[in-house]
Amino acid sequence: MNVIRNASLFGLLSLALAFVPLVTAIVYAWRPTERHLALMRPLSLAGLFAAASGTMLGLINALMPFWRLGFTTEAYTIVAIGAAESLVHLFVGFASLTAAWLLVAVGMSRTGDIS
């Protein structure tokens, strides 16, 4: 939970954007329409870009101790913790997209679009 509490506004926004394709996929699996399916591609790209940019911002912030403290043992510890926390965005984004596209497959099987 410390990752969420310590996250910046942009970090929280990128985490929230990772769940948008998942919500759309739930709606599509429940009520499969072409409109919901057409939304999945751009929302998936937005989720990917949000996860990547959140991770990059986290890595940029994680490297800051090197130019403030130099290459000390304390700086390496802080950078390692920050780098691990920054990977949360990538994990959440990819896990959300995996679940979303599995739900799309469920919705497509309900419409008979899968041959």
N, C-alpha and C. Protein backbone atom coordinates (compact mmCIF):
# COMPACT_ATOMS: atom_id res chain seq x y z
N MET A 1 0.80 -1.20 0.00
CA MET A 1 0.00 0.00 0.00
C MET A 1 0.84 1.26 0.00
N ASN A 2 2.09 1.18 0.43
CA ASN A 2 2.94 2.37 0.43
C ASN A 2 3.16 2.90 -0.97
N VAL A 3 3.15 2.02 -1.97
CA VAL A 3 3.34 2.45 -3.35
C VAL A 3 2.22 3.40 -3.75
N ILE A 4 1.00 3.08 -3.38
CA ILE A 4 -0.14 3.93 -3.73
C ILE A 4 -0.07 5.24 -2.95
N ARG A 5 0.25 5.17 -1.67
CA ARG A 5 0.33 6.39 -0.85
C ARG A 5 1.43 7.32 -1.31
N ASN A 6 2.52 6.78 -1.78
CA ASN A 6 3.66 7.60 -2.20
C ASN A 6 3.60 8.02 -3.66
N ALA A 7 2.62 7.55 -4.40
CA ALA A 7 2.55 7.83 -5.83
C ALA A 7 2.15 9.28 -6.08
N SER A 8 2.68 9.83 -7.15
CA SER A 8 2.32 11.19 -7.55
C SER A 8 0.95 11.18 -8.22
N LEU A 9 0.44 12.36 -8.51
CA LEU A 9 -0.85 12.47 -9.18
C LEU A 9 -0.78 11.79 -10.56
N PHE A 10 0.31 12.01 -11.29
CA PHE A 10 0.47 11.37 -12.60
C PHE A 10 0.57 9.85 -12.44
N GLY A 11 1.25 9.39 -11.40
CA GLY A 11 1.35 7.95 -11.16
C GLY A 11 -0.01 7.32 -10.88
N LEU A 12 -0.81 8.00 -10.09
CA LEU A 12 -2.16 7.50 -9.81
C LEU A 12 -3.03 7.52 -11.06
N LEU A 13 -2.88 8.56 -11.87
CA LEU A 13 -3.64 8.65 -13.12
C LEU A 13 -3.26 7.52 -14.07
N SER A 14 -1.97 7.23 -14.18
CA SER A 14 -1.55 6.15 -15.08
C SER A 14 -2.03 4.79 -14.57
N LEU A 15 -2.10 4.61 -13.25
CA LEU A 15 -2.65 3.37 -12.71
C LEU A 15 -4.15 3.27 -12.98
N ALA A 16 -4.86 4.38 -12.85
CA ALA A 16 -6.30 4.38 -13.11
C ALA A 16 -6.58 4.12 -14.58
N LEU A 17 -5.78 4.69 -15.47
CA LEU A 17 -5.98 4.47 -16.90
C LEU A 17 -5.75 3.02 -17.31
N ALA A 18 -4.97 2.30 -16.53
CA ALA A 18 -4.72 0.89 -16.85
C ALA A 18 -5.99 0.06 -16.69
N PHE A 19 -6.94 0.53 -15.88
CA PHE A 19 -8.16 -0.24 -15.64
C PHE A 19 -9.29 0.10 -16.61
N VAL A 20 -9.13 1.15 -17.40
CA VAL A 20 -10.19 1.55 -18.35
C VAL A 20 -10.47 0.45 -19.38
N PRO A 21 -9.45 -0.16 -20.02
CA PRO A 21 -9.76 -1.26 -20.95
C PRO A 21 -10.43 -2.45 -20.27
N LEU A 22 -10.08 -2.70 -19.01
CA LEU A 22 -10.70 -3.81 -18.29
C LEU A 22 -12.19 -3.56 -18.07
N VAL A 23 -12.54 -2.34 -17.72
CA VAL A 23 -13.96 -2.00 -17.52
C VAL A 23 -14.72 -2.13 -18.84
N THR A 24 -14.12 -1.65 -19.93
CA THR A 24 -14.75 -1.77 -21.24
C THR A 24 -14.92 -3.24 -21.64
N ALA A 25 -13.94 -4.07 -21.33
CA ALA A 25 -14.03 -5.49 -21.65
C ALA A 25 -15.11 -6.18 -20.83
N ILE A 26 -15.29 -5.76 -19.58
CA ILE A 26 -16.37 -6.33 -18.76
C ILE A 26 -17.72 -5.99 -19.39
N VAL A 27 -17.85 -4.75 -19.83
CA VAL A 27 -19.10 -4.33 -20.48
C VAL A 27 -19.30 -5.12 -21.77
N TYR A 28 -18.23 -5.32 -22.54
CA TYR A 28 -18.35 -6.08 -23.79
C TYR A 28 -18.71 -7.54 -23.52
N ALA A 29 -18.11 -8.15 -22.51
CA ALA A 29 -18.42 -9.54 -22.20
C ALA A 29 -19.87 -9.69 -21.74
N TRP A 30 -20.38 -8.69 -21.06
CA TRP A 30 -21.75 -8.72 -20.58
C TRP A 30 -22.75 -8.44 -21.70
N ARG A 31 -22.43 -7.44 -22.54
CA ARG A 31 -23.31 -7.07 -23.64
C ARG A 31 -22.45 -6.81 -24.88
N PRO A 32 -22.13 -7.86 -25.65
CA PRO A 32 -21.22 -7.71 -26.79
C PRO A 32 -21.87 -6.94 -27.95
N THR A 33 -21.29 -5.79 -28.25
CA THR A 33 -21.71 -5.00 -29.41
C THR A 33 -20.46 -4.57 -30.17
N GLU A 34 -20.63 -4.22 -31.43
CA GLU A 34 -19.50 -3.76 -32.24
C GLU A 34 -18.90 -2.48 -31.67
N ARG A 35 -19.75 -1.63 -31.12
CA ARG A 35 -19.27 -0.36 -30.56
C ARG A 35 -18.30 -0.59 -29.41
N HIS A 36 -18.64 -1.51 -28.50
CA HIS A 36 -17.75 -1.81 -27.38
C HIS A 36 -16.46 -2.47 -27.86
N LEU A 37 -16.57 -3.33 -28.86
CA LEU A 37 -15.38 -3.98 -29.39
C LEU A 37 -14.47 -2.98 -30.09
N ALA A 38 -15.07 -2.04 -30.80
CA ALA A 38 -14.27 -1.02 -31.49
C ALA A 38 -13.52 -0.12 -30.50
N LEU A 39 -14.06 0.05 -29.31
CA LEU A 39 -13.39 0.87 -28.29
C LEU A 39 -12.17 0.17 -27.69
N MET A 40 -12.12 -1.14 -27.79
CA MET A 40 -11.04 -1.88 -27.12
C MET A 40 -9.66 -1.57 -27.67
N ARG A 41 -9.53 -1.40 -28.98
CA ARG A 41 -8.20 -1.13 -29.55
C ARG A 41 -7.61 0.19 -29.05
N PRO A 42 -8.32 1.32 -29.20
CA PRO A 42 -7.71 2.57 -28.72
C PRO A 42 -7.55 2.61 -27.21
N LEU A 43 -8.47 2.00 -26.47
CA LEU A 43 -8.33 2.00 -25.02
C LEU A 43 -7.18 1.10 -24.57
N SER A 44 -6.94 0.02 -25.31
CA SER A 44 -5.79 -0.84 -24.99
C SER A 44 -4.48 -0.10 -25.23
N LEU A 45 -4.43 0.64 -26.33
CA LEU A 45 -3.23 1.44 -26.58
C LEU A 45 -3.03 2.49 -25.50
N ALA A 46 -4.12 3.13 -25.09
CA ALA A 46 -4.02 4.12 -24.02
C ALA A 46 -3.53 3.47 -22.73
N GLY A 47 -4.01 2.27 -22.43
CA GLY A 47 -3.55 1.55 -21.25
C GLY A 47 -2.08 1.20 -21.32
N LEU A 48 -1.64 0.76 -22.51
CA LEU A 48 -0.21 0.46 -22.69
C LEU A 48 0.66 1.69 -22.51
N PHE A 49 0.25 2.78 -23.14
CA PHE A 49 1.04 4.01 -23.04
C PHE A 49 1.02 4.57 -21.63
N ALA A 50 -0.09 4.44 -20.93
CA ALA A 50 -0.15 4.91 -19.54
C ALA A 50 0.78 4.08 -18.65
N ALA A 51 0.79 2.77 -18.86
CA ALA A 51 1.68 1.91 -18.07
C ALA A 51 3.15 2.22 -18.37
N ALA A 52 3.46 2.40 -19.64
CA ALA A 52 4.85 2.70 -20.01
C ALA A 52 5.29 4.06 -19.49
N SER A 53 4.43 5.07 -19.63
CA SER A 53 4.83 6.40 -19.17
C SER A 53 4.90 6.46 -17.65
N GLY A 54 4.01 5.76 -16.95
CA GLY A 54 4.09 5.71 -15.49
C GLY A 54 5.36 5.04 -15.02
N THR A 55 5.76 3.98 -15.72
CA THR A 55 7.01 3.29 -15.38
C THR A 55 8.22 4.18 -15.65
N MET A 56 8.20 4.87 -16.80
CA MET A 56 9.33 5.76 -17.12
C MET A 56 9.44 6.90 -16.12
N LEU A 57 8.31 7.49 -15.74
CA LEU A 57 8.34 8.56 -14.74
C LEU A 57 8.88 8.04 -13.41
N GLY A 58 8.46 6.84 -13.04
CA GLY A 58 8.98 6.24 -11.81
C GLY A 58 10.48 6.00 -11.87
N LEU A 59 10.97 5.55 -13.02
CA LEU A 59 12.41 5.32 -13.15
C LEU A 59 13.19 6.63 -13.13
N ILE A 60 12.64 7.66 -13.75
CA ILE A 60 13.30 8.98 -13.71
C ILE A 60 13.40 9.46 -12.26
N ASN A 61 12.30 9.35 -11.53
CA ASN A 61 12.32 9.77 -10.12
C ASN A 61 13.21 8.88 -9.28
N ALA A 62 13.29 7.60 -9.62
CA ALA A 62 14.12 6.67 -8.85
C ALA A 62 15.60 6.98 -9.02
N LEU A 63 16.00 7.53 -10.16
CA LEU A 63 17.41 7.82 -10.39
C LEU A 63 17.87 9.15 -9.78
N MET A 64 16.95 9.94 -9.27
CA MET A 64 17.30 11.24 -8.70
C MET A 64 18.33 11.18 -7.57
N PRO A 65 18.30 10.17 -6.69
CA PRO A 65 19.31 10.15 -5.61
C PRO A 65 20.75 10.11 -6.12
N PHE A 66 20.99 9.61 -7.32
CA PHE A 66 22.35 9.58 -7.83
C PHE A 66 22.92 10.98 -8.03
N TRP A 67 22.09 11.92 -8.50
CA TRP A 67 22.65 13.25 -8.69
C TRP A 67 22.51 14.12 -7.44
N ARG A 68 21.78 13.65 -6.43
CA ARG A 68 21.74 14.40 -5.17
C ARG A 68 22.74 13.86 -4.16
N LEU A 69 22.91 12.55 -4.09
CA LEU A 69 23.76 11.93 -3.09
C LEU A 69 25.06 11.36 -3.66
N GLY A 70 25.16 11.32 -4.99
CA GLY A 70 26.31 10.68 -5.61
C GLY A 70 26.12 9.17 -5.63
N PHE A 71 27.16 8.46 -5.94
CA PHE A 71 27.08 7.00 -6.05
C PHE A 71 27.48 6.36 -4.71
N THR A 72 26.61 6.56 -3.72
CA THR A 72 26.84 6.01 -2.39
C THR A 72 25.98 4.77 -2.19
N THR A 73 26.26 4.06 -1.11
CA THR A 73 25.46 2.88 -0.78
C THR A 73 24.01 3.26 -0.51
N GLU A 74 23.80 4.38 0.16
CA GLU A 74 22.44 4.85 0.45
C GLU A 74 21.70 5.17 -0.85
N ALA A 75 22.38 5.79 -1.79
CA ALA A 75 21.75 6.13 -3.07
C ALA A 75 21.37 4.86 -3.83
N TYR A 76 22.23 3.86 -3.83
CA TYR A 76 21.90 2.61 -4.52
C TYR A 76 20.67 1.94 -3.90
N THR A 77 20.57 2.00 -2.57
CA THR A 77 19.41 1.42 -1.89
C THR A 77 18.13 2.14 -2.29
N ILE A 78 18.16 3.47 -2.29
CA ILE A 78 16.98 4.26 -2.65
C ILE A 78 16.60 4.02 -4.11
N VAL A 79 17.59 3.96 -4.98
CA VAL A 79 17.31 3.73 -6.40
C VAL A 79 16.71 2.35 -6.63
N ALA A 80 17.21 1.35 -5.93
CA ALA A 80 16.67 -0.01 -6.09
C ALA A 80 15.21 -0.07 -5.64
N ILE A 81 14.89 0.57 -4.54
CA ILE A 81 13.50 0.58 -4.06
C ILE A 81 12.62 1.35 -5.04
N GLY A 82 13.09 2.48 -5.51
CA GLY A 82 12.31 3.28 -6.46
C GLY A 82 12.09 2.57 -7.79
N ALA A 83 13.11 1.86 -8.26
CA ALA A 83 12.97 1.12 -9.52
C ALA A 83 11.96 -0.01 -9.36
N ALA A 84 11.98 -0.69 -8.23
CA ALA A 84 11.00 -1.76 -8.00
C ALA A 84 9.59 -1.19 -7.93
N GLU A 85 9.42 -0.05 -7.27
CA GLU A 85 8.09 0.56 -7.18
C GLU A 85 7.61 1.06 -8.54
N SER A 86 8.52 1.49 -9.38
CA SER A 86 8.10 2.01 -10.68
C SER A 86 7.59 0.89 -11.60
N LEU A 87 8.00 -0.33 -11.36
CA LEU A 87 7.55 -1.45 -12.18
C LEU A 87 6.11 -1.86 -11.88
N VAL A 88 5.54 -1.33 -10.79
CA VAL A 88 4.15 -1.63 -10.46
C VAL A 88 3.23 -1.18 -11.59
N HIS A 89 3.50 -0.02 -12.19
CA HIS A 89 2.67 0.49 -13.28
C HIS A 89 2.64 -0.49 -14.45
N LEU A 90 3.80 -1.01 -14.80
CA LEU A 90 3.88 -1.95 -15.91
C LEU A 90 3.14 -3.25 -15.59
N PHE A 91 3.31 -3.76 -14.38
CA PHE A 91 2.63 -4.98 -13.99
C PHE A 91 1.12 -4.81 -14.00
N VAL A 92 0.63 -3.74 -13.39
CA VAL A 92 -0.82 -3.51 -13.33
C VAL A 92 -1.38 -3.32 -14.73
N GLY A 93 -0.68 -2.57 -15.58
CA GLY A 93 -1.15 -2.34 -16.94
C GLY A 93 -1.23 -3.63 -17.75
N PHE A 94 -0.19 -4.44 -17.70
CA PHE A 94 -0.19 -5.68 -18.48
C PHE A 94 -1.18 -6.69 -17.92
N ALA A 95 -1.30 -6.78 -16.60
CA ALA A 95 -2.26 -7.71 -16.01
C ALA A 95 -3.69 -7.30 -16.36
N SER A 96 -3.95 -6.00 -16.33
CA SER A 96 -5.28 -5.51 -16.69
C SER A 96 -5.60 -5.79 -18.16
N LEU A 97 -4.63 -5.58 -19.03
CA LEU A 97 -4.86 -5.84 -20.46
C LEU A 97 -5.03 -7.32 -20.74
N THR A 98 -4.31 -8.16 -20.03
CA THR A 98 -4.48 -9.60 -20.20
C THR A 98 -5.89 -10.03 -19.82
N ALA A 99 -6.36 -9.58 -18.68
CA ALA A 99 -7.71 -9.91 -18.25
C ALA A 99 -8.74 -9.32 -19.21
N ALA A 100 -8.48 -8.10 -19.68
CA ALA A 100 -9.43 -7.45 -20.59
C ALA A 100 -9.59 -8.23 -21.89
N TRP A 101 -8.49 -8.65 -22.47
CA TRP A 101 -8.60 -9.36 -23.74
C TRP A 101 -9.14 -10.77 -23.57
N LEU A 102 -8.95 -11.37 -22.40
CA LEU A 102 -9.63 -12.65 -22.14
C LEU A 102 -11.14 -12.45 -22.06
N LEU A 103 -11.56 -11.35 -21.47
CA LEU A 103 -12.99 -11.04 -21.42
C LEU A 103 -13.54 -10.73 -22.81
N VAL A 104 -12.74 -10.10 -23.66
CA VAL A 104 -13.16 -9.87 -25.04
C VAL A 104 -13.37 -11.20 -25.75
N ALA A 105 -12.48 -12.15 -25.51
CA ALA A 105 -12.65 -13.48 -26.11
C ALA A 105 -13.94 -14.14 -25.63
N VAL A 106 -14.28 -13.95 -24.36
CA VAL A 106 -15.55 -14.48 -23.85
C VAL A 106 -16.72 -13.82 -24.57
N GLY A 107 -16.66 -12.50 -24.72
CA GLY A 107 -17.73 -11.78 -25.41
C GLY A 107 -17.85 -12.19 -26.86
N MET A 108 -16.72 -12.41 -27.51
CA MET A 108 -16.76 -12.83 -28.92
C MET A 108 -17.33 -14.24 -29.05
N SER A 109 -17.05 -15.11 -28.10
CA SER A 109 -17.62 -16.44 -28.16
C SER A 109 -19.13 -16.41 -27.94
N ARG A 110 -19.60 -15.42 -27.20
CA ARG A 110 -21.05 -15.29 -26.99
C ARG A 110 -21.76 -14.81 -28.24
N THR A 111 -21.06 -14.04 -29.08
CA THR A 111 -21.68 -13.54 -30.33
C THR A 111 -21.51 -14.52 -31.47
N GLY A 112 -20.61 -15.48 -31.32
CA GLY A 112 -20.35 -16.45 -32.39
C GLY A 112 -19.37 -15.92 -33.41
N ASP A 113 -18.62 -14.85 -33.08
CA ASP A 113 -17.64 -14.28 -34.01
C ASP A 113 -16.38 -15.12 -34.14
N ILE A 114 -16.14 -16.02 -33.21
CA ILE A 114 -14.95 -16.86 -33.27
C ILE A 114 -15.30 -18.12 -34.07
N SER A 115 -14.55 -18.36 -35.13
CA SER A 115 -14.86 -19.55 -35.93
C SER A 115 -13.91 -20.67 -35.66
